[in-house]
Amino acid sequence: MPAAQNWLLLLTYDGTCYHGWQVQPNSPTIEEALEQAVKRLTGECVKVHGAGRTDSGVHALNFTANFKSSAENFKTTGKWRIALNAVLPTDIVIKSVQKVSPGFHARHSASGKRYRYLIYNRPFQAVFSRNQSWWINQALDLKRMDEAAQILIGEHDFSAFRAASCSSPNPFKTIHEILITKTDFRYATLQIEIEANSFLQHMVRIIIGTLVEVGQGRKSVDDVSEALESGQRKLAGITAPAHGLYALNVIYPQGMIQWPKEVIDI
């Protein structure tokens, strides 16, 4: 039997109908859909390694996953892309495929991740926004939100911004950027992008919820600083809904991975 080739996928998906990435009993997940697609094409039972474990309802614009296959009928990247898209559900799309070294791992080889959160900030809800963004009808003070966001930049213990069920042994993470900008999407008027070396469970959503509470005047900038320093979850804000969150980019060391520009959504 030939040596298994390690394949890296760049995919996008609508997470509305899925219970997150990781395989779960009796619940549809992205990982399970990909593994079943490969099995249908090759007969192989492979393990698909994702770049992270996205929550139920979270979407992805540019997400990565890798698996190893010895299938003789699938030797080219183009053939994998076409074949997988033919058998996957229509809300999961493979945008590009490339060969990677045997030791490459979509998650462990990454040096960082970037997420985007979409908010529809109008008095009325957009009909197309229900599963794509968080509707907030109260006006938000973006200047105060940005002031609070700057407190979180850098390396910190983010224990106050993690889920109670988070199993990560290390609460220290480094946030490189939090960018808050107005936008004009069909279902969003505001976007918040957060880039870090890695994230704790629900960390992005808790940060978003906290910043929104600052924008609403329910928390002060000093409250955010106190929460960060205390490490107490109860002092941070609410957990923002999953359906407004998008995996935007998986970052790898320079020169390791290069995708065609035309397949990257920004």
C-alpha atoms as a PDB file:
ATOM      1  CA  MET A   1       0.000   0.000   0.000  1.00  0.00           C
ATOM      2  CA  PRO A   2       1.412   3.430  -0.914  1.00  0.00           C
ATOM      3  CA  ALA A   3       2.278   5.911   1.814  1.00  0.00           C
ATOM      4  CA  ALA A   4      -0.625   8.129   2.810  1.00  0.00           C
ATOM      5  CA  GLN A   5      -0.521  11.679   1.463  1.00  0.00           C
ATOM      6  CA  ASN A   6      -1.368  14.514   3.849  1.00  0.00           C
ATOM      7  CA  TRP A   7      -3.969  16.832   2.288  1.00  0.00           C
ATOM      8  CA  LEU A   8      -4.878  20.333   3.485  1.00  0.00           C
ATOM      9  CA  LEU A   9      -8.326  21.744   2.763  1.00  0.00           C
ATOM     10  CA  LEU A  10      -9.431  25.371   2.685  1.00  0.00           C
ATOM     11  CA  LEU A  11     -13.160  25.405   3.306  1.00  0.00           C
ATOM     12  CA  THR A  12     -16.068  27.691   4.008  1.00  0.00           C
ATOM     13  CA  TYR A  13     -19.298  26.717   5.699  1.00  0.00           C
ATOM     14  CA  ASP A  14     -22.588  27.933   7.078  1.00  0.00           C
ATOM     15  CA  GLY A  15     -22.705  26.550  10.602  1.00  0.00           C
ATOM     16  CA  THR A  16     -26.434  27.109  11.147  1.00  0.00           C
ATOM     17  CA  CYS A  17     -27.423  23.447  10.913  1.00  0.00           C
ATOM     18  CA  TYR A  18     -24.357  22.008  12.656  1.00  0.00           C
ATOM     19  CA  HIS A  19     -23.401  21.417  16.276  1.00  0.00           C
ATOM     20  CA  GLY A  20     -19.948  22.852  15.770  1.00  0.00           C
ATOM     21  CA  TRP A  21     -16.825  21.199  14.392  1.00  0.00           C
ATOM     22  CA  GLN A  22     -16.147  18.188  16.584  1.00  0.00           C
ATOM     23  CA  VAL A  23     -17.934  14.862  16.051  1.00  0.00           C
ATOM     24  CA  GLN A  24     -20.785  14.380  18.524  1.00  0.00           C
ATOM     25  CA  PRO A  25     -23.210  11.483  18.971  1.00  0.00           C
ATOM     26  CA  ASN A  26     -26.565  12.014  17.276  1.00  0.00           C
ATOM     27  CA  SER A  27     -25.733  15.561  16.141  1.00  0.00           C
ATOM     28  CA  PRO A  28     -24.469  16.735  12.733  1.00  0.00           C
ATOM     29  CA  THR A  29     -21.023  18.358  12.766  1.00  0.00           C
ATOM     30  CA  ILE A  30     -18.609  19.712  10.165  1.00  0.00           C
ATOM     31  CA  GLU A  31     -15.910  17.168  11.021  1.00  0.00           C
ATOM     32  CA  GLU A  32     -18.320  14.273  10.622  1.00  0.00           C
ATOM     33  CA  ALA A  33     -19.569  15.568   7.262  1.00  0.00           C
ATOM     34  CA  LEU A  34     -16.005  15.749   5.923  1.00  0.00           C
ATOM     35  CA  GLU A  35     -15.022  12.327   7.212  1.00  0.00           C
ATOM     36  CA  GLN A  36     -18.150  10.771   5.738  1.00  0.00           C
ATOM     37  CA  ALA A  37     -17.441  12.496   2.407  1.00  0.00           C
ATOM     38  CA  VAL A  38     -13.939  11.016   2.243  1.00  0.00           C
ATOM     39  CA  LYS A  39     -15.252   7.587   3.204  1.00  0.00           C
ATOM     40  CA  ARG A  40     -17.899   7.760   0.489  1.00  0.00           C
ATOM     41  CA  LEU A  41     -15.274   8.634  -2.119  1.00  0.00           C
ATOM     42  CA  THR A  42     -12.470   6.270  -1.068  1.00  0.00           C
ATOM     43  CA  GLY A  43     -13.827   3.769   1.438  1.00  0.00           C
ATOM     44  CA  GLU A  44     -11.244   4.999   3.948  1.00  0.00           C
ATOM     45  CA  CYS A  45     -12.098   5.881   7.556  1.00  0.00           C
ATOM     46  CA  VAL A  46      -9.917   8.958   8.000  1.00  0.00           C
ATOM     47  CA  LYS A  47      -9.529  11.435  10.828  1.00  0.00           C
ATOM     48  CA  VAL A  48      -9.992  15.038   9.667  1.00  0.00           C
ATOM     49  CA  HIS A  49      -8.097  17.508  11.839  1.00  0.00           C
ATOM     50  CA  GLY A  50      -9.617  20.989  11.939  1.00  0.00           C
ATOM     51  CA  ALA A  51      -7.825  24.225  12.764  1.00  0.00           C
ATOM     52  CA  GLY A  52     -10.073  24.635  15.804  1.00  0.00           C
ATOM     53  CA  ARG A  53     -13.273  23.501  17.479  1.00  0.00           C
ATOM     54  CA  THR A  54     -15.894  26.006  16.428  1.00  0.00           C
ATOM     55  CA  ASP A  55     -19.117  26.175  18.434  1.00  0.00           C
ATOM     56  CA  SER A  56     -22.592  25.194  17.323  1.00  0.00           C
ATOM     57  CA  GLY A  57     -23.885  27.765  14.844  1.00  0.00           C
ATOM     58  CA  VAL A  58     -20.503  29.391  14.137  1.00  0.00           C
ATOM     59  CA  HIS A  59     -19.626  29.968  10.469  1.00  0.00           C
ATOM     60  CA  ALA A  60     -16.338  29.948   8.541  1.00  0.00           C
ATOM     61  CA  LEU A  61     -15.072  31.956   5.598  1.00  0.00           C
ATOM     62  CA  ASN A  62     -11.539  30.544   5.455  1.00  0.00           C
ATOM     63  CA  PHE A  63     -11.062  27.467   7.634  1.00  0.00           C
ATOM     64  CA  THR A  64      -8.444  24.744   7.306  1.00  0.00           C
ATOM     65  CA  ALA A  65      -8.463  21.009   7.928  1.00  0.00           C
ATOM     66  CA  ASN A  66      -6.121  18.173   7.006  1.00  0.00           C
ATOM     67  CA  PHE A  67      -6.371  14.414   6.591  1.00  0.00           C
ATOM     68  CA  LYS A  68      -4.231  11.588   5.254  1.00  0.00           C
ATOM     69  CA  SER A  69      -5.329   9.313   2.439  1.00  0.00           C
ATOM     70  CA  SER A  70      -3.779   6.434   0.497  1.00  0.00           C
ATOM     71  CA  ALA A  71      -6.484   6.484  -2.191  1.00  0.00           C
ATOM     72  CA  GLU A  72      -4.992   5.693  -5.592  1.00  0.00           C
ATOM     73  CA  ASN A  73      -7.799   7.449  -7.474  1.00  0.00           C
ATOM     74  CA  PHE A  74      -7.145  10.830  -5.840  1.00  0.00           C
ATOM     75  CA  LYS A  75      -3.681  12.045  -6.691  1.00  0.00           C
ATOM     76  CA  THR A  76      -4.368  15.695  -7.563  1.00  0.00           C
ATOM     77  CA  THR A  77      -5.609  18.650  -5.547  1.00  0.00           C
ATOM     78  CA  GLY A  78      -8.161  19.564  -8.200  1.00  0.00           C
ATOM     79  CA  LYS A  79      -9.689  16.100  -8.180  1.00  0.00           C
ATOM     80  CA  TRP A  80     -10.108  16.177  -4.414  1.00  0.00           C
ATOM     81  CA  ARG A  81     -11.809  19.583  -4.516  1.00  0.00           C
ATOM     82  CA  ILE A  82     -14.272  18.604  -7.249  1.00  0.00           C
ATOM     83  CA  ALA A  83     -15.066  15.197  -5.748  1.00  0.00           C
ATOM     84  CA  LEU A  84     -15.539  16.435  -2.187  1.00  0.00           C
ATOM     85  CA  ASN A  85     -17.823  19.271  -3.288  1.00  0.00           C
ATOM     86  CA  ALA A  86     -19.903  16.768  -5.243  1.00  0.00           C
ATOM     87  CA  VAL A  87     -20.715  14.712  -2.132  1.00  0.00           C
ATOM     88  CA  LEU A  88     -20.647  17.287   0.676  1.00  0.00           C
ATOM     89  CA  PRO A  89     -23.798  19.101   1.826  1.00  0.00           C
ATOM     90  CA  THR A  90     -24.260  22.403  -0.026  1.00  0.00           C
ATOM     91  CA  ASP A  91     -23.553  24.440   3.133  1.00  0.00           C
ATOM     92  CA  ILE A  92     -19.968  23.134   3.256  1.00  0.00           C
ATOM     93  CA  VAL A  93     -17.693  24.035   0.330  1.00  0.00           C
ATOM     94  CA  ILE A  94     -14.056  23.125  -0.328  1.00  0.00           C
ATOM     95  CA  LYS A  95     -12.397  26.156  -1.935  1.00  0.00           C
ATOM     96  CA  SER A  96      -8.900  24.797  -2.412  1.00  0.00           C
ATOM     97  CA  VAL A  97      -6.726  21.753  -1.638  1.00  0.00           C
ATOM     98  CA  GLN A  98      -2.972  21.375  -1.367  1.00  0.00           C
ATOM     99  CA  LYS A  99      -0.424  18.735  -0.433  1.00  0.00           C
ATOM    100  CA  VAL A 100       1.398  19.255   2.865  1.00  0.00           C
ATOM    101  CA  SER A 101       4.192  17.451   4.695  1.00  0.00           C
ATOM    102  CA  PRO A 102       3.400  14.329   6.747  1.00  0.00           C
ATOM    103  CA  GLY A 103       3.898  16.195  10.017  1.00  0.00           C
ATOM    104  CA  PHE A 104       1.646  19.129   9.174  1.00  0.00           C
ATOM    105  CA  HIS A 105      -1.420  19.592  11.403  1.00  0.00           C
ATOM    106  CA  ALA A 106      -4.089  22.182  10.623  1.00  0.00           C
ATOM    107  CA  ARG A 107      -4.351  23.202  14.265  1.00  0.00           C
ATOM    108  CA  HIS A 108      -0.969  22.507  15.855  1.00  0.00           C
ATOM    109  CA  SER A 109       1.033  23.994  12.958  1.00  0.00           C
ATOM    110  CA  ALA A 110      -0.916  27.280  13.111  1.00  0.00           C
ATOM    111  CA  SER A 111       0.639  30.361  14.690  1.00  0.00           C
ATOM    112  CA  GLY A 112      -2.601  32.294  15.066  1.00  0.00           C
ATOM    113  CA  LYS A 113      -6.243  32.732  14.140  1.00  0.00           C
ATOM    114  CA  ARG A 114      -8.464  35.639  13.202  1.00  0.00           C
ATOM    115  CA  TYR A 115     -12.220  35.824  13.746  1.00  0.00           C
ATOM    116  CA  ARG A 116     -14.849  38.264  12.540  1.00  0.00           C
ATOM    117  CA  TYR A 117     -18.074  39.025  14.394  1.00  0.00           C
ATOM    118  CA  LEU A 118     -21.001  40.668  12.611  1.00  0.00           C
ATOM    119  CA  ILE A 119     -23.555  42.909  14.326  1.00  0.00           C
ATOM    120  CA  TYR A 120     -26.713  44.413  12.859  1.00  0.00           C
ATOM    121  CA  ASN A 121     -27.170  47.620  14.866  1.00  0.00           C
ATOM    122  CA  ARG A 122     -30.486  49.083  13.783  1.00  0.00           C
ATOM    123  CA  PRO A 123     -33.877  49.632  15.490  1.00  0.00           C
ATOM    124  CA  PHE A 124     -35.347  46.836  13.331  1.00  0.00           C
ATOM    125  CA  GLN A 125     -34.034  43.378  12.490  1.00  0.00           C
ATOM    126  CA  ALA A 126     -32.935  42.633   8.948  1.00  0.00           C
ATOM    127  CA  VAL A 127     -34.857  39.689   7.529  1.00  0.00           C
ATOM    128  CA  PHE A 128     -31.631  38.060   6.289  1.00  0.00           C
ATOM    129  CA  SER A 129     -29.683  38.564   9.518  1.00  0.00           C
ATOM    130  CA  ARG A 130     -31.295  36.026  11.831  1.00  0.00           C
ATOM    131  CA  ASN A 131     -28.631  33.330  11.413  1.00  0.00           C
ATOM    132  CA  GLN A 132     -25.789  35.534  10.166  1.00  0.00           C
ATOM    133  CA  SER A 133     -25.381  38.391  12.656  1.00  0.00           C
ATOM    134  CA  TRP A 134     -26.350  39.602  16.122  1.00  0.00           C
ATOM    135  CA  TRP A 135     -29.193  42.091  16.083  1.00  0.00           C
ATOM    136  CA  ILE A 136     -28.752  44.888  18.648  1.00  0.00           C
ATOM    137  CA  ASN A 137     -31.376  47.618  18.509  1.00  0.00           C
ATOM    138  CA  GLN A 138     -29.724  49.970  21.013  1.00  0.00           C
ATOM    139  CA  ALA A 139     -27.172  52.448  19.639  1.00  0.00           C
ATOM    140  CA  LEU A 140     -23.564  51.528  20.424  1.00  0.00           C
ATOM    141  CA  ASP A 141     -20.771  53.911  21.426  1.00  0.00           C
ATOM    142  CA  LEU A 142     -17.959  52.665  19.181  1.00  0.00           C
ATOM    143  CA  LYS A 143     -15.359  54.987  20.715  1.00  0.00           C
ATOM    144  CA  ARG A 144     -15.892  53.521  24.180  1.00  0.00           C
ATOM    145  CA  MET A 145     -15.887  50.010  22.745  1.00  0.00           C
ATOM    146  CA  ASP A 146     -12.543  50.666  21.094  1.00  0.00           C
ATOM    147  CA  GLU A 147     -11.103  52.056  24.353  1.00  0.00           C
ATOM    148  CA  ALA A 148     -12.156  48.887  26.136  1.00  0.00           C
ATOM    149  CA  ALA A 149     -10.782  46.697  23.343  1.00  0.00           C
ATOM    150  CA  GLN A 150      -7.304  48.229  23.648  1.00  0.00           C
ATOM    151  CA  ILE A 151      -7.091  47.013  27.254  1.00  0.00           C
ATOM    152  CA  LEU A 152      -7.244  43.429  25.980  1.00  0.00           C
ATOM    153  CA  ILE A 153      -4.394  43.793  23.469  1.00  0.00           C
ATOM    154  CA  GLY A 154      -1.236  41.887  24.365  1.00  0.00           C
ATOM    155  CA  GLU A 155      -0.527  38.824  26.482  1.00  0.00           C
ATOM    156  CA  HIS A 156      -2.893  38.359  29.423  1.00  0.00           C
ATOM    157  CA  ASP A 157      -4.543  35.752  31.583  1.00  0.00           C
ATOM    158  CA  PHE A 158      -7.974  35.580  29.928  1.00  0.00           C
ATOM    159  CA  SER A 159      -9.615  33.460  32.625  1.00  0.00           C
ATOM    160  CA  ALA A 160     -12.476  35.997  32.890  1.00  0.00           C
ATOM    161  CA  PHE A 161     -13.179  35.500  29.183  1.00  0.00           C
ATOM    162  CA  ARG A 162     -13.392  31.717  29.027  1.00  0.00           C
ATOM    163  CA  ALA A 163     -16.290  29.292  29.336  1.00  0.00           C
ATOM    164  CA  ALA A 164     -16.737  27.456  32.611  1.00  0.00           C
ATOM    165  CA  SER A 165     -16.279  24.201  30.686  1.00  0.00           C
ATOM    166  CA  CYS A 166     -12.998  25.317  29.052  1.00  0.00           C
ATOM    167  CA  SER A 167     -10.362  22.620  29.569  1.00  0.00           C
ATOM    168  CA  SER A 168      -7.304  24.534  28.346  1.00  0.00           C
ATOM    169  CA  PRO A 169      -4.451  24.260  30.879  1.00  0.00           C
ATOM    170  CA  ASN A 170      -3.065  27.655  29.926  1.00  0.00           C
ATOM    171  CA  PRO A 171      -5.315  30.748  30.186  1.00  0.00           C
ATOM    172  CA  PHE A 172      -2.579  33.065  28.888  1.00  0.00           C
ATOM    173  CA  LYS A 173      -3.179  34.176  25.296  1.00  0.00           C
ATOM    174  CA  THR A 174      -1.816  37.012  23.169  1.00  0.00           C
ATOM    175  CA  ILE A 175      -4.276  39.213  21.294  1.00  0.00           C
ATOM    176  CA  HIS A 176      -2.558  41.014  18.413  1.00  0.00           C
ATOM    177  CA  GLU A 177      -5.456  43.166  17.233  1.00  0.00           C
ATOM    178  CA  ILE A 178      -9.097  44.023  17.879  1.00  0.00           C
ATOM    179  CA  LEU A 179     -10.523  46.042  14.996  1.00  0.00           C
ATOM    180  CA  ILE A 180     -13.988  47.605  15.249  1.00  0.00           C
ATOM    181  CA  THR A 181     -15.353  49.066  12.022  1.00  0.00           C
ATOM    182  CA  LYS A 182     -18.641  50.086  10.476  1.00  0.00           C
ATOM    183  CA  THR A 183     -19.680  48.060   7.466  1.00  0.00           C
ATOM    184  CA  ASP A 184     -22.503  47.903   4.959  1.00  0.00           C
ATOM    185  CA  PHE A 185     -23.353  44.252   4.480  1.00  0.00           C
ATOM    186  CA  ARG A 186     -26.855  43.052   3.740  1.00  0.00           C
ATOM    187  CA  TYR A 187     -27.066  41.678   7.264  1.00  0.00           C
ATOM    188  CA  ALA A 188     -24.486  43.686   9.257  1.00  0.00           C
ATOM    189  CA  THR A 189     -23.660  47.308  10.028  1.00  0.00           C
ATOM    190  CA  LEU A 190     -20.726  46.651  12.343  1.00  0.00           C
ATOM    191  CA  GLN A 191     -17.890  44.129  12.361  1.00  0.00           C
ATOM    192  CA  ILE A 192     -15.335  43.291  15.014  1.00  0.00           C
ATOM    193  CA  GLU A 193     -12.213  41.332  14.083  1.00  0.00           C
ATOM    194  CA  ILE A 194      -9.998  39.704  16.702  1.00  0.00           C
ATOM    195  CA  GLU A 195      -6.619  38.124  16.004  1.00  0.00           C
ATOM    196  CA  ALA A 196      -4.623  36.144  18.560  1.00  0.00           C
ATOM    197  CA  ASN A 197      -2.072  33.363  18.799  1.00  0.00           C
ATOM    198  CA  SER A 198      -4.919  31.112  20.018  1.00  0.00           C
ATOM    199  CA  PHE A 199      -8.214  31.343  21.883  1.00  0.00           C
ATOM    200  CA  LEU A 200      -9.885  29.804  24.902  1.00  0.00           C
ATOM    201  CA  GLN A 201     -13.353  28.255  24.641  1.00  0.00           C
ATOM    202  CA  HIS A 202     -15.939  31.005  23.997  1.00  0.00           C
ATOM    203  CA  MET A 203     -13.211  33.659  24.404  1.00  0.00           C
ATOM    204  CA  VAL A 204     -14.104  35.574  21.256  1.00  0.00           C
ATOM    205  CA  ARG A 205     -17.824  35.536  22.015  1.00  0.00           C
ATOM    206  CA  ILE A 206     -17.307  36.683  25.620  1.00  0.00           C
ATOM    207  CA  ILE A 207     -15.042  39.509  24.477  1.00  0.00           C
ATOM    208  CA  ILE A 208     -17.657  40.565  21.934  1.00  0.00           C
ATOM    209  CA  GLY A 209     -20.419  40.427  24.543  1.00  0.00           C
ATOM    210  CA  THR A 210     -18.320  42.494  26.937  1.00  0.00           C
ATOM    211  CA  LEU A 211     -17.519  45.146  24.322  1.00  0.00           C
ATOM    212  CA  VAL A 212     -21.197  45.396  23.369  1.00  0.00           C
ATOM    213  CA  GLU A 213     -22.128  45.974  27.009  1.00  0.00           C
ATOM    214  CA  VAL A 214     -19.542  48.769  27.103  1.00  0.00           C
ATOM    215  CA  GLY A 215     -21.048  50.229  23.929  1.00  0.00           C
ATOM    216  CA  GLN A 216     -24.496  50.116  25.532  1.00  0.00           C
ATOM    217  CA  GLY A 217     -23.254  51.857  28.679  1.00  0.00           C
ATOM    218  CA  ARG A 218     -23.915  48.810  30.844  1.00  0.00           C
ATOM    219  CA  LYS A 219     -20.212  48.427  31.607  1.00  0.00           C
ATOM    220  CA  SER A 220     -17.383  50.924  31.809  1.00  0.00           C
ATOM    221  CA  VAL A 221     -13.891  50.705  30.377  1.00  0.00           C
ATOM    222  CA  ASP A 222     -12.645  50.323  33.953  1.00  0.00           C
ATOM    223  CA  ASP A 223     -15.002  47.359  34.403  1.00  0.00           C
ATOM    224  CA  VAL A 224     -13.252  45.564  31.548  1.00  0.00           C
ATOM    225  CA  SER A 225      -9.850  46.238  33.103  1.00  0.00           C
ATOM    226  CA  GLU A 226     -11.090  44.937  36.464  1.00  0.00           C
ATOM    227  CA  ALA A 227     -12.488  41.770  34.879  1.00  0.00           C
ATOM    228  CA  LEU A 228      -9.211  41.083  33.068  1.00  0.00           C
ATOM    229  CA  GLU A 229      -7.127  41.578  36.199  1.00  0.00           C
ATOM    230  CA  SER A 230      -9.455  39.565  38.448  1.00  0.00           C
ATOM    231  CA  GLY A 231      -9.822  36.528  36.214  1.00  0.00           C
ATOM    232  CA  GLN A 232     -13.432  36.214  37.349  1.00  0.00           C
ATOM    233  CA  ARG A 233     -15.907  35.223  34.645  1.00  0.00           C
ATOM    234  CA  LYS A 234     -18.787  36.964  36.458  1.00  0.00           C
ATOM    235  CA  LEU A 235     -17.127  40.355  35.986  1.00  0.00           C
ATOM    236  CA  ALA A 236     -16.920  40.052  32.193  1.00  0.00           C
ATOM    237  CA  GLY A 237     -19.881  40.472  29.857  1.00  0.00           C
ATOM    238  CA  ILE A 238     -22.377  38.105  28.319  1.00  0.00           C
ATOM    239  CA  THR A 239     -21.465  35.480  25.741  1.00  0.00           C
ATOM    240  CA  ALA A 240     -22.435  36.823  22.314  1.00  0.00           C
ATOM    241  CA  PRO A 241     -24.610  34.528  20.142  1.00  0.00           C
ATOM    242  CA  ALA A 242     -22.682  32.015  18.054  1.00  0.00           C
ATOM    243  CA  HIS A 243     -24.432  32.845  14.779  1.00  0.00           C
ATOM    244  CA  GLY A 244     -22.616  36.186  14.416  1.00  0.00           C
ATOM    245  CA  LEU A 245     -19.155  34.611  14.542  1.00  0.00           C
ATOM    246  CA  TYR A 246     -17.031  33.674  11.508  1.00  0.00           C
ATOM    247  CA  ALA A 247     -13.651  31.954  11.356  1.00  0.00           C
ATOM    248  CA  LEU A 248     -11.870  34.415   9.080  1.00  0.00           C
ATOM    249  CA  ASN A 249      -8.279  33.223   8.785  1.00  0.00           C
ATOM    250  CA  VAL A 250      -5.938  30.538  10.078  1.00  0.00           C
ATOM    251  CA  ILE A 251      -2.415  31.927  10.237  1.00  0.00           C
ATOM    252  CA  TYR A 252       0.664  29.781   9.628  1.00  0.00           C
ATOM    253  CA  PRO A 253       4.374  30.651   9.840  1.00  0.00           C
ATOM    254  CA  GLN A 254       5.547  32.657   6.858  1.00  0.00           C
ATOM    255  CA  GLY A 255       6.159  30.533   3.789  1.00  0.00           C
ATOM    256  CA  MET A 256       4.450  27.428   5.124  1.00  0.00           C
ATOM    257  CA  ILE A 257       1.040  27.782   3.449  1.00  0.00           C
ATOM    258  CA  GLN A 258       0.038  29.956   0.500  1.00  0.00           C
ATOM    259  CA  TRP A 259      -3.506  29.945  -0.919  1.00  0.00           C
ATOM    260  CA  PRO A 260      -4.473  31.409  -4.300  1.00  0.00           C
ATOM    261  CA  LYS A 261      -5.704  34.959  -3.754  1.00  0.00           C
ATOM    262  CA  GLU A 262      -8.907  34.325  -5.674  1.00  0.00           C
ATOM    263  CA  VAL A 263     -10.154  31.750  -3.140  1.00  0.00           C
ATOM    264  CA  ILE A 264      -9.664  33.857  -0.008  1.00  0.00           C
ATOM    265  CA  ASP A 265     -12.749  35.664   1.325  1.00  0.00           C
ATOM    266  CA  ILE A 266     -11.984  38.865   3.211  1.00  0.00           C
END
